[in-house]
Amino acid sequence: MTVLLYLIPAALGLGLIGMLAFLWALRSGQFEDLDGAARRVLFDDADAEARARPSAQPPQQRSRQ
């Protein structure tokens, strides 16, 4: 039973730390653009460069000299 004297405050302290971390993430804007992060996972870096510069050809279609 004396173990509970250590475990209950430890559990409350960890819960408080978790809640503070969540509030910090909420205030710093970590949850603002959830759809953008989900879509970024689906695209390759080469595709992102091609979308950034529409006139550029993807590396696979460039003519070899």
PDB file of N, CA and C in Angstrom:
ATOM      1  N   MET A   1       0.811  -1.207   0.000  1.00  0.00           N
ATOM      2  CA  MET A   1       0.000   0.000   0.000  1.00  0.00           C
ATOM      3  C   MET A   1       0.850   1.265   0.000  1.00  0.00           C
ATOM      4  N   THR A   2       2.040   1.207   0.529  1.00  0.00           N
ATOM      5  CA  THR A   2       2.875   2.397   0.548  1.00  0.00           C
ATOM      6  C   THR A   2       3.381   2.743  -0.854  1.00  0.00           C
ATOM      7  N   VAL A   3       3.320   1.765  -1.749  1.00  0.00           N
ATOM      8  CA  VAL A   3       3.725   2.023  -3.133  1.00  0.00           C
ATOM      9  C   VAL A   3       2.791   3.042  -3.770  1.00  0.00           C
ATOM     10  N   LEU A   4       1.529   3.031  -3.369  1.00  0.00           N
ATOM     11  CA  LEU A   4       0.558   3.991  -3.911  1.00  0.00           C
ATOM     12  C   LEU A   4       0.934   5.425  -3.574  1.00  0.00           C
ATOM     13  N   LEU A   5       1.653   5.622  -2.479  1.00  0.00           N
ATOM     14  CA  LEU A   5       2.091   6.971  -2.121  1.00  0.00           C
ATOM     15  C   LEU A   5       3.076   7.520  -3.154  1.00  0.00           C
ATOM     16  N   TYR A   6       3.744   6.629  -3.863  1.00  0.00           N
ATOM     17  CA  TYR A   6       4.671   7.048  -4.917  1.00  0.00           C
ATOM     18  C   TYR A   6       4.012   7.039  -6.293  1.00  0.00           C
ATOM     19  N   LEU A   7       3.162   6.050  -6.530  1.00  0.00           N
ATOM     20  CA  LEU A   7       2.591   5.882  -7.864  1.00  0.00           C
ATOM     21  C   LEU A   7       1.530   6.930  -8.198  1.00  0.00           C
ATOM     22  N   ILE A   8       0.705   7.301  -7.244  1.00  0.00           N
ATOM     23  CA  ILE A   8      -0.359   8.282  -7.530  1.00  0.00           C
ATOM     24  C   ILE A   8       0.229   9.653  -7.871  1.00  0.00           C
ATOM     25  N   PRO A   9       1.154  10.199  -7.096  1.00  0.00           N
ATOM     26  CA  PRO A   9       1.747  11.478  -7.510  1.00  0.00           C
ATOM     27  C   PRO A   9       2.532  11.373  -8.818  1.00  0.00           C
ATOM     28  N   ALA A  10       3.184  10.232  -9.054  1.00  0.00           N
ATOM     29  CA  ALA A  10       3.919  10.056 -10.308  1.00  0.00           C
ATOM     30  C   ALA A  10       2.949  10.052 -11.497  1.00  0.00           C
ATOM     31  N   ALA A  11       1.821   9.379 -11.356  1.00  0.00           N
ATOM     32  CA  ALA A  11       0.829   9.345 -12.433  1.00  0.00           C
ATOM     33  C   ALA A  11       0.233  10.731 -12.659  1.00  0.00           C
ATOM     34  N   LEU A  12      -0.048  11.443 -11.603  1.00  0.00           N
ATOM     35  CA  LEU A  12      -0.583  12.805 -11.743  1.00  0.00           C
ATOM     36  C   LEU A  12       0.447  13.730 -12.384  1.00  0.00           C
ATOM     37  N   GLY A  13       1.709  13.583 -11.998  1.00  0.00           N
ATOM     38  CA  GLY A  13       2.761  14.412 -12.584  1.00  0.00           C
ATOM     39  C   GLY A  13       2.941  14.132 -14.071  1.00  0.00           C
ATOM     40  N   LEU A  14       2.939  12.855 -14.461  1.00  0.00           N
ATOM     41  CA  LEU A  14       3.062  12.512 -15.882  1.00  0.00           C
ATOM     42  C   LEU A  14       1.853  13.003 -16.678  1.00  0.00           C
ATOM     43  N   GLY A  15       0.676  12.916 -16.077  1.00  0.00           N
ATOM     44  CA  GLY A  15      -0.521  13.436 -16.738  1.00  0.00           C
ATOM     45  C   GLY A  15      -0.446  14.935 -16.939  1.00  0.00           C
ATOM     46  N   LEU A  16       0.058  15.635 -15.948  1.00  0.00           N
ATOM     47  CA  LEU A  16       0.220  17.088 -16.044  1.00  0.00           C
ATOM     48  C   LEU A  16       1.241  17.452 -17.118  1.00  0.00           C
ATOM     49  N   ILE A  17       2.342  16.715 -17.184  1.00  0.00           N
ATOM     50  CA  ILE A  17       3.346  16.962 -18.221  1.00  0.00           C
ATOM     51  C   ILE A  17       2.755  16.722 -19.610  1.00  0.00           C
ATOM     52  N   GLY A  18       1.981  15.648 -19.752  1.00  0.00           N
ATOM     53  CA  GLY A  18       1.336  15.369 -21.038  1.00  0.00           C
ATOM     54  C   GLY A  18       0.341  16.451 -21.432  1.00  0.00           C
ATOM     55  N   MET A  19      -0.422  16.935 -20.470  1.00  0.00           N
ATOM     56  CA  MET A  19      -1.393  17.989 -20.770  1.00  0.00           C
ATOM     57  C   MET A  19      -0.685  19.286 -21.151  1.00  0.00           C
ATOM     58  N   LEU A  20       0.405  19.611 -20.464  1.00  0.00           N
ATOM     59  CA  LEU A  20       1.156  20.819 -20.808  1.00  0.00           C
ATOM     60  C   LEU A  20       1.780  20.707 -22.198  1.00  0.00           C
ATOM     61  N   ALA A  21       2.272  19.522 -22.551  1.00  0.00           N
ATOM     62  CA  ALA A  21       2.838  19.322 -23.885  1.00  0.00           C
ATOM     63  C   ALA A  21       1.761  19.471 -24.955  1.00  0.00           C
ATOM     64  N   PHE A  22       0.565  18.950 -24.687  1.00  0.00           N
ATOM     65  CA  PHE A  22      -0.531  19.101 -25.639  1.00  0.00           C
ATOM     66  C   PHE A  22      -0.938  20.558 -25.793  1.00  0.00           C
ATOM     67  N   LEU A  23      -1.046  21.284 -24.696  1.00  0.00           N
ATOM     68  CA  LEU A  23      -1.414  22.700 -24.777  1.00  0.00           C
ATOM     69  C   LEU A  23      -0.353  23.512 -25.504  1.00  0.00           C
ATOM     70  N   TRP A  24       0.921  23.194 -25.292  1.00  0.00           N
ATOM     71  CA  TRP A  24       1.990  23.885 -26.013  1.00  0.00           C
ATOM     72  C   TRP A  24       1.868  23.624 -27.512  1.00  0.00           C
ATOM     73  N   ALA A  25       1.627  22.365 -27.897  1.00  0.00           N
ATOM     74  CA  ALA A  25       1.495  22.028 -29.315  1.00  0.00           C
ATOM     75  C   ALA A  25       0.277  22.718 -29.923  1.00  0.00           C
ATOM     76  N   LEU A  26      -0.785  22.815 -29.167  1.00  0.00           N
ATOM     77  CA  LEU A  26      -1.999  23.467 -29.657  1.00  0.00           C
ATOM     78  C   LEU A  26      -1.756  24.955 -29.888  1.00  0.00           C
ATOM     79  N   ARG A  27      -1.070  25.611 -28.970  1.00  0.00           N
ATOM     80  CA  ARG A  27      -0.815  27.050 -29.097  1.00  0.00           C
ATOM     81  C   ARG A  27       0.241  27.366 -30.147  1.00  0.00           C
ATOM     82  N   SER A  28       1.147  26.445 -30.402  1.00  0.00           N
ATOM     83  CA  SER A  28       2.208  26.728 -31.373  1.00  0.00           C
ATOM     84  C   SER A  28       1.788  26.398 -32.800  1.00  0.00           C
ATOM     85  N   GLY A  29       0.558  25.927 -33.001  1.00  0.00           N
ATOM     86  CA  GLY A  29       0.041  25.721 -34.347  1.00  0.00           C
ATOM     87  C   GLY A  29       0.380  24.368 -34.952  1.00  0.00           C
ATOM     88  N   GLN A  30       0.656  23.363 -34.146  1.00  0.00           N
ATOM     89  CA  GLN A  30       1.010  22.051 -34.664  1.00  0.00           C
ATOM     90  C   GLN A  30      -0.170  21.358 -35.333  1.00  0.00           C
ATOM     91  N   PHE A  31      -1.382  21.728 -34.990  1.00  0.00           N
ATOM     92  CA  PHE A  31      -2.566  21.055 -35.511  1.00  0.00           C
ATOM     93  C   PHE A  31      -3.322  21.901 -36.524  1.00  0.00           C
ATOM     94  N   GLU A  32      -2.678  22.891 -37.116  1.00  0.00           N
ATOM     95  CA  GLU A  32      -3.358  23.803 -38.032  1.00  0.00           C
ATOM     96  C   GLU A  32      -3.638  23.176 -39.395  1.00  0.00           C
ATOM     97  N   ASP A  33      -2.674  22.484 -39.983  1.00  0.00           N
ATOM     98  CA  ASP A  33      -2.807  21.988 -41.351  1.00  0.00           C
ATOM     99  C   ASP A  33      -2.640  20.469 -41.382  1.00  0.00           C
ATOM    100  N   LEU A  34      -3.660  19.747 -40.946  1.00  0.00           N
ATOM    101  CA  LEU A  34      -3.564  18.292 -40.907  1.00  0.00           C
ATOM    102  C   LEU A  34      -3.671  17.680 -42.292  1.00  0.00           C
ATOM    103  N   ASP A  35      -4.468  18.273 -43.181  1.00  0.00           N
ATOM    104  CA  ASP A  35      -4.615  17.715 -44.525  1.00  0.00           C
ATOM    105  C   ASP A  35      -3.358  17.897 -45.354  1.00  0.00           C
ATOM    106  N   GLY A  36      -2.667  19.000 -45.183  1.00  0.00           N
ATOM    107  CA  GLY A  36      -1.437  19.233 -45.937  1.00  0.00           C
ATOM    108  C   GLY A  36      -0.370  18.211 -45.602  1.00  0.00           C
ATOM    109  N   ALA A  37      -0.232  17.876 -44.337  1.00  0.00           N
ATOM    110  CA  ALA A  37       0.765  16.881 -43.933  1.00  0.00           C
ATOM    111  C   ALA A  37       0.401  15.509 -44.478  1.00  0.00           C
ATOM    112  N   ALA A  38      -0.882  15.192 -44.512  1.00  0.00           N
ATOM    113  CA  ALA A  38      -1.310  13.891 -45.040  1.00  0.00           C
ATOM    114  C   ALA A  38      -1.052  13.799 -46.540  1.00  0.00           C
ATOM    115  N   ARG A  39      -1.200  14.885 -47.251  1.00  0.00           N
ATOM    116  CA  ARG A  39      -0.969  14.859 -48.702  1.00  0.00           C
ATOM    117  C   ARG A  39       0.515  14.889 -49.043  1.00  0.00           C
ATOM    118  N   ARG A  40       1.328  15.562 -48.226  1.00  0.00           N
ATOM    119  CA  ARG A  40       2.768  15.617 -48.491  1.00  0.00           C
ATOM    120  C   ARG A  40       3.414  14.245 -48.434  1.00  0.00           C
ATOM    121  N   VAL A  41       2.867  13.343 -47.641  1.00  0.00           N
ATOM    122  CA  VAL A  41       3.422  12.001 -47.526  1.00  0.00           C
ATOM    123  C   VAL A  41       3.267  11.252 -48.840  1.00  0.00           C
ATOM    124  N   LEU A  42       2.232  11.551 -49.589  1.00  0.00           N
ATOM    125  CA  LEU A  42       1.926  10.808 -50.799  1.00  0.00           C
ATOM    126  C   LEU A  42       2.793  11.197 -51.990  1.00  0.00           C
ATOM    127  N   PHE A  43       3.413  12.361 -51.964  1.00  0.00           N
ATOM    128  CA  PHE A  43       4.169  12.843 -53.113  1.00  0.00           C
ATOM    129  C   PHE A  43       5.663  12.667 -52.903  1.00  0.00           C
ATOM    130  N   ASP A  44       6.340  12.296 -53.986  1.00  0.00           N
ATOM    131  CA  ASP A  44       7.791  12.145 -53.960  1.00  0.00           C
ATOM    132  C   ASP A  44       8.437  13.523 -54.079  1.00  0.00           C
ATOM    133  N   ASP A  45       9.679  13.653 -53.655  1.00  0.00           N
ATOM    134  CA  ASP A  45      10.368  14.937 -53.741  1.00  0.00           C
ATOM    135  C   ASP A  45      10.513  15.411 -55.173  1.00  0.00           C
ATOM    136  N   ALA A  46      10.756  14.516 -56.123  1.00  0.00           N
ATOM    137  CA  ALA A  46      10.875  14.903 -57.523  1.00  0.00           C
ATOM    138  C   ALA A  46       9.556  15.465 -58.036  1.00  0.00           C
ATOM    139  N   ASP A  47       8.447  14.886 -57.585  1.00  0.00           N
ATOM    140  CA  ASP A  47       7.140  15.409 -57.979  1.00  0.00           C
ATOM    141  C   ASP A  47       6.917  16.803 -57.410  1.00  0.00           C
ATOM    142  N   ALA A  48       7.382  17.047 -56.200  1.00  0.00           N
ATOM    143  CA  ALA A  48       7.219  18.368 -55.590  1.00  0.00           C
ATOM    144  C   ALA A  48       8.016  19.418 -56.356  1.00  0.00           C
ATOM    145  N   GLU A  49       9.211  19.052 -56.813  1.00  0.00           N
ATOM    146  CA  GLU A  49      10.011  20.000 -57.596  1.00  0.00           C
ATOM    147  C   GLU A  49       9.343  20.287 -58.933  1.00  0.00           C
ATOM    148  N   ALA A  50       8.751  19.274 -59.552  1.00  0.00           N
ATOM    149  CA  ALA A  50       8.081  19.466 -60.836  1.00  0.00           C
ATOM    150  C   ALA A  50       6.850  20.352 -60.668  1.00  0.00           C
ATOM    151  N   ARG A  51       6.153  20.200 -59.546  1.00  0.00           N
ATOM    152  CA  ARG A  51       4.987  21.050 -59.307  1.00  0.00           C
ATOM    153  C   ARG A  51       5.408  22.473 -58.998  1.00  0.00           C
ATOM    154  N   ALA A  52       6.559  22.641 -58.388  1.00  0.00           N
ATOM    155  CA  ALA A  52       7.034  23.987 -58.063  1.00  0.00           C
ATOM    156  C   ALA A  52       7.452  24.734 -59.326  1.00  0.00           C
ATOM    157  N   ARG A  53       8.024  24.018 -60.301  1.00  0.00           N
ATOM    158  CA  ARG A  53       8.439  24.614 -61.572  1.00  0.00           C
ATOM    159  C   ARG A  53       7.696  23.897 -62.696  1.00  0.00           C
ATOM    160  N   PRO A  54       6.521  24.386 -63.100  1.00  0.00           N
ATOM    161  CA  PRO A  54       5.719  23.675 -64.087  1.00  0.00           C
ATOM    162  C   PRO A  54       6.391  23.554 -65.461  1.00  0.00           C
ATOM    163  N   SER A  55       7.310  24.441 -65.797  1.00  0.00           N
ATOM    164  CA  SER A  55       7.940  24.371 -67.106  1.00  0.00           C
ATOM    165  C   SER A  55       9.030  23.311 -67.168  1.00  0.00           C
ATOM    166  N   ALA A  56       9.514  22.891 -66.019  1.00  0.00           N
ATOM    167  CA  ALA A  56      10.590  21.896 -65.991  1.00  0.00           C
ATOM    168  C   ALA A  56      10.034  20.503 -66.248  1.00  0.00           C
ATOM    169  N   GLN A  57      10.799  19.692 -66.949  1.00  0.00           N
ATOM    170  CA  GLN A  57      10.395  18.320 -67.202  1.00  0.00           C
ATOM    171  C   GLN A  57      10.875  17.447 -66.048  1.00  0.00           C
ATOM    172  N   PRO A  58      10.120  16.403 -65.727  1.00  0.00           N
ATOM    173  CA  PRO A  58      10.587  15.469 -64.698  1.00  0.00           C
ATOM    174  C   PRO A  58      11.881  14.794 -65.145  1.00  0.00           C
ATOM    175  N   PRO A  59      12.720  14.351 -64.230  1.00  0.00           N
ATOM    176  CA  PRO A  59      14.024  13.775 -64.578  1.00  0.00           C
ATOM    177  C   PRO A  59      13.925  12.572 -65.516  1.00  0.00           C
ATOM    178  N   GLN A  60      12.846  11.797 -65.494  1.00  0.00           N
ATOM    179  CA  GLN A  60      12.722  10.622 -66.338  1.00  0.00           C
ATOM    180  C   GLN A  60      12.540  11.000 -67.809  1.00  0.00           C
ATOM    181  N   GLN A  61      11.988  12.164 -68.118  1.00  0.00           N
ATOM    182  CA  GLN A  61      11.642  12.515 -69.477  1.00  0.00           C
ATOM    183  C   GLN A  61      12.689  13.420 -70.149  1.00  0.00           C
ATOM    184  N   ARG A  62      13.747  13.768 -69.472  1.00  0.00           N
ATOM    185  CA  ARG A  62      14.772  14.601 -70.074  1.00  0.00           C
ATOM    186  C   ARG A  62      15.529  13.794 -71.117  1.00  0.00           C
ATOM    187  N   SER A  63      15.921  14.435 -72.187  1.00  0.00           N
ATOM    188  CA  SER A  63      16.667  13.740 -73.232  1.00  0.00           C
ATOM    189  C   SER A  63      18.097  13.523 -72.774  1.00  0.00           C
ATOM    190  N   ARG A  64      18.618  12.349 -73.086  1.00  0.00           N
ATOM    191  CA  ARG A  64      19.997  12.031 -72.700  1.00  0.00           C
ATOM    192  C   ARG A  64      20.921  12.363 -73.840  1.00  0.00           C
ATOM    193  N   GLN A  65      22.042  12.965 -73.524  1.00  0.00           N
ATOM    194  CA  GLN A  65      22.998  13.370 -74.563  1.00  0.00           C
ATOM    195  C   GLN A  65      24.255  12.580 -74.459  1.00  0.00           C
TER     196      GLN A  65
END
